[in-house]
Protein backbone atom coordinates (compact mmCIF):
# COMPACT_ATOMS: atom_id res chain seq x y z
CA MET A 1 0.19 -16.88 15.05
CA ILE A 2 3.72 -15.62 14.35
CA SER A 3 5.65 -15.09 17.57
CA SER A 4 7.66 -12.12 16.32
CA LYS A 5 5.61 -9.00 15.63
CA PRO A 6 8.31 -7.24 13.58
CA LYS A 7 8.73 -10.36 11.47
CA ALA A 8 4.98 -10.50 10.84
CA LEU A 9 4.95 -6.80 9.97
CA LEU A 10 7.82 -7.20 7.52
CA ARG A 11 6.13 -10.20 5.95
CA SER A 12 2.89 -8.26 5.50
CA LEU A 13 4.82 -5.37 3.91
CA LEU A 14 6.50 -7.82 1.56
CA VAL A 15 3.09 -9.19 0.54
CA SER A 16 1.86 -5.63 -0.02
CA TYR A 17 4.76 -4.70 -2.25
CA LEU A 18 4.59 -7.93 -4.23
CA LEU A 19 0.90 -7.35 -4.87
CA SER A 20 1.66 -3.76 -5.87
CA ALA A 21 4.33 -4.90 -8.30
CA LEU A 22 2.01 -7.43 -9.93
CA LEU A 23 -0.89 -4.99 -10.21
CA LEU A 24 1.32 -2.16 -11.51
CA LEU A 25 2.75 -4.52 -14.11
CA ALA A 26 -0.78 -5.41 -15.21
CA LEU A 27 -1.65 -1.71 -15.30
CA SER A 28 1.35 -0.90 -17.46
CA PHE A 29 0.33 -3.65 -19.88
CA ALA A 30 -3.23 -2.30 -19.96
CA PHE A 31 -1.87 1.20 -20.54
CA TYR A 32 0.20 -0.07 -23.45
CA LYS A 33 -2.63 -2.04 -25.05
CA LEU A 34 -5.65 0.15 -24.31
CA LYS A 35 -4.08 3.63 -24.44
CA LEU A 36 -5.65 4.64 -21.14
CA GLY A 37 -5.91 8.28 -20.17
CA GLU A 38 -4.03 9.91 -17.31
CA SER A 39 -7.12 10.18 -15.09
CA GLN A 40 -7.84 6.46 -15.55
CA ILE A 41 -4.27 5.58 -14.65
CA ASN A 42 -4.30 7.80 -11.55
CA LEU A 43 -7.51 6.16 -10.39
CA ALA A 44 -6.05 2.69 -10.99
CA VAL A 45 -2.87 3.56 -9.07
CA PHE A 46 -4.97 4.75 -6.11
CA PHE A 47 -6.89 1.48 -6.27
CA ILE A 48 -3.63 -0.48 -6.32
CA TYR A 49 -2.29 1.37 -3.27
CA GLY A 50 -5.53 0.74 -1.40
CA ALA A 51 -5.68 -2.94 -2.35
CA ALA A 52 -2.05 -3.47 -1.39
CA CYS A 53 -2.49 -1.82 2.02
CA LEU A 54 -5.74 -3.67 2.64
CA THR A 55 -4.02 -6.98 1.87
CA GLY A 56 -0.98 -6.11 3.98
CA GLY A 57 -3.18 -5.05 6.90
CA PHE A 58 -5.13 -8.29 6.59
CA PHE A 59 -1.96 -10.38 6.73
CA ALA A 60 -0.53 -8.37 9.63
CA GLY A 61 -3.74 -8.64 11.65
CA LYS A 62 -4.07 -12.34 10.92
CA ALA A 63 -0.45 -13.06 11.86
CA ILE A 64 -0.33 -11.01 15.06
CA GLY A 65 -3.87 -11.68 16.27
CA SER A 66 -4.32 -8.92 18.84
CA ARG A 67 -5.00 -5.21 18.20
CA ARG A 68 -5.39 -6.08 14.55
CA PHE A 69 -6.58 -2.60 13.53
CA PHE A 70 -3.40 -1.07 14.99
CA TRP A 71 -1.10 -3.47 13.16
CA GLY A 72 -3.06 -2.92 9.96
CA LEU A 73 -2.73 0.84 10.39
CA LEU A 74 0.99 0.48 11.04
CA THR A 75 1.35 -1.64 7.91
CA GLY A 76 -0.42 1.00 5.82
CA LEU A 77 1.69 3.82 7.27
CA LEU A 78 4.95 1.94 6.74
CA TYR A 79 3.88 1.11 3.18
CA PHE A 80 3.35 4.82 2.54
CA LEU A 81 6.62 5.88 4.20
CA ILE A 82 8.68 3.37 2.22
CA LEU A 83 6.89 4.36 -0.99
CA ALA A 84 7.51 8.07 -0.32
CA ALA A 85 11.17 7.45 0.60
CA ALA A 86 11.74 5.40 -2.56
CA SER A 87 10.12 8.12 -4.66
CA PHE A 88 12.28 10.76 -3.00
CA ALA A 89 15.43 8.66 -3.45
CA ALA A 90 14.62 8.08 -7.13
CA GLY A 91 15.08 11.79 -7.68
CA ASN A 92 11.47 12.90 -7.75
CA GLY A 93 11.97 15.09 -4.67
CA MET A 94 9.03 16.41 -2.72
CA PRO A 95 5.82 16.47 -4.74
CA GLU A 96 4.37 19.85 -5.57
CA ASP A 97 0.83 18.61 -5.03
CA LEU A 98 0.60 17.95 -1.30
CA SER A 99 -3.12 17.18 -1.55
CA ARG A 100 -2.31 14.07 -3.62
CA LEU A 101 0.35 13.07 -1.09
CA SER A 102 -2.06 13.44 1.81
CA ALA A 103 -4.74 11.52 -0.11
CA VAL A 104 -2.33 8.62 -0.66
CA LEU A 105 -1.35 8.71 3.03
CA ALA A 106 -5.01 8.60 4.10
CA LEU A 107 -5.77 5.82 1.60
CA CYS A 108 -2.85 3.68 2.79
CA ALA A 109 -3.71 4.21 6.47
CA ALA A 110 -7.41 3.47 5.92
CA GLY A 111 -6.71 0.45 3.72
CA GLY A 112 -4.33 -1.07 6.25
CA THR A 113 -6.73 -0.43 9.12
CA VAL A 114 -9.69 -1.98 7.32
CA GLY A 115 -7.55 -4.95 6.31
CA GLY A 116 -6.49 -5.47 9.91
CA MET A 117 -10.07 -5.29 11.14
CA LEU A 118 -11.23 -7.79 8.49
CA SER A 119 -8.58 -10.34 9.48
């Protein structure tokens, strides 16, 4: 068990973002080779966000040990907030489709929570 909770949380976020990077790279290669449609890519990106938050929540819950669902939820929420901030900073601004934004928020929170409970 890691003694520092913030350190464990940061480590789980790092794992989440590394997994996201690898899976998004694989998706971009698949898009290039298979000429996937937009709906298929959107579905795959949702899957990647969920898998990354689930993995991060699992690592956070495993490292901290107590109240694992809470630390998983916090991992998922921080993943979403950093992702939204990076998107905003990249010049995309606020998305016009708030239903997609709320769906990603719910997916990240649920994925992190489930990952924490499975740890």
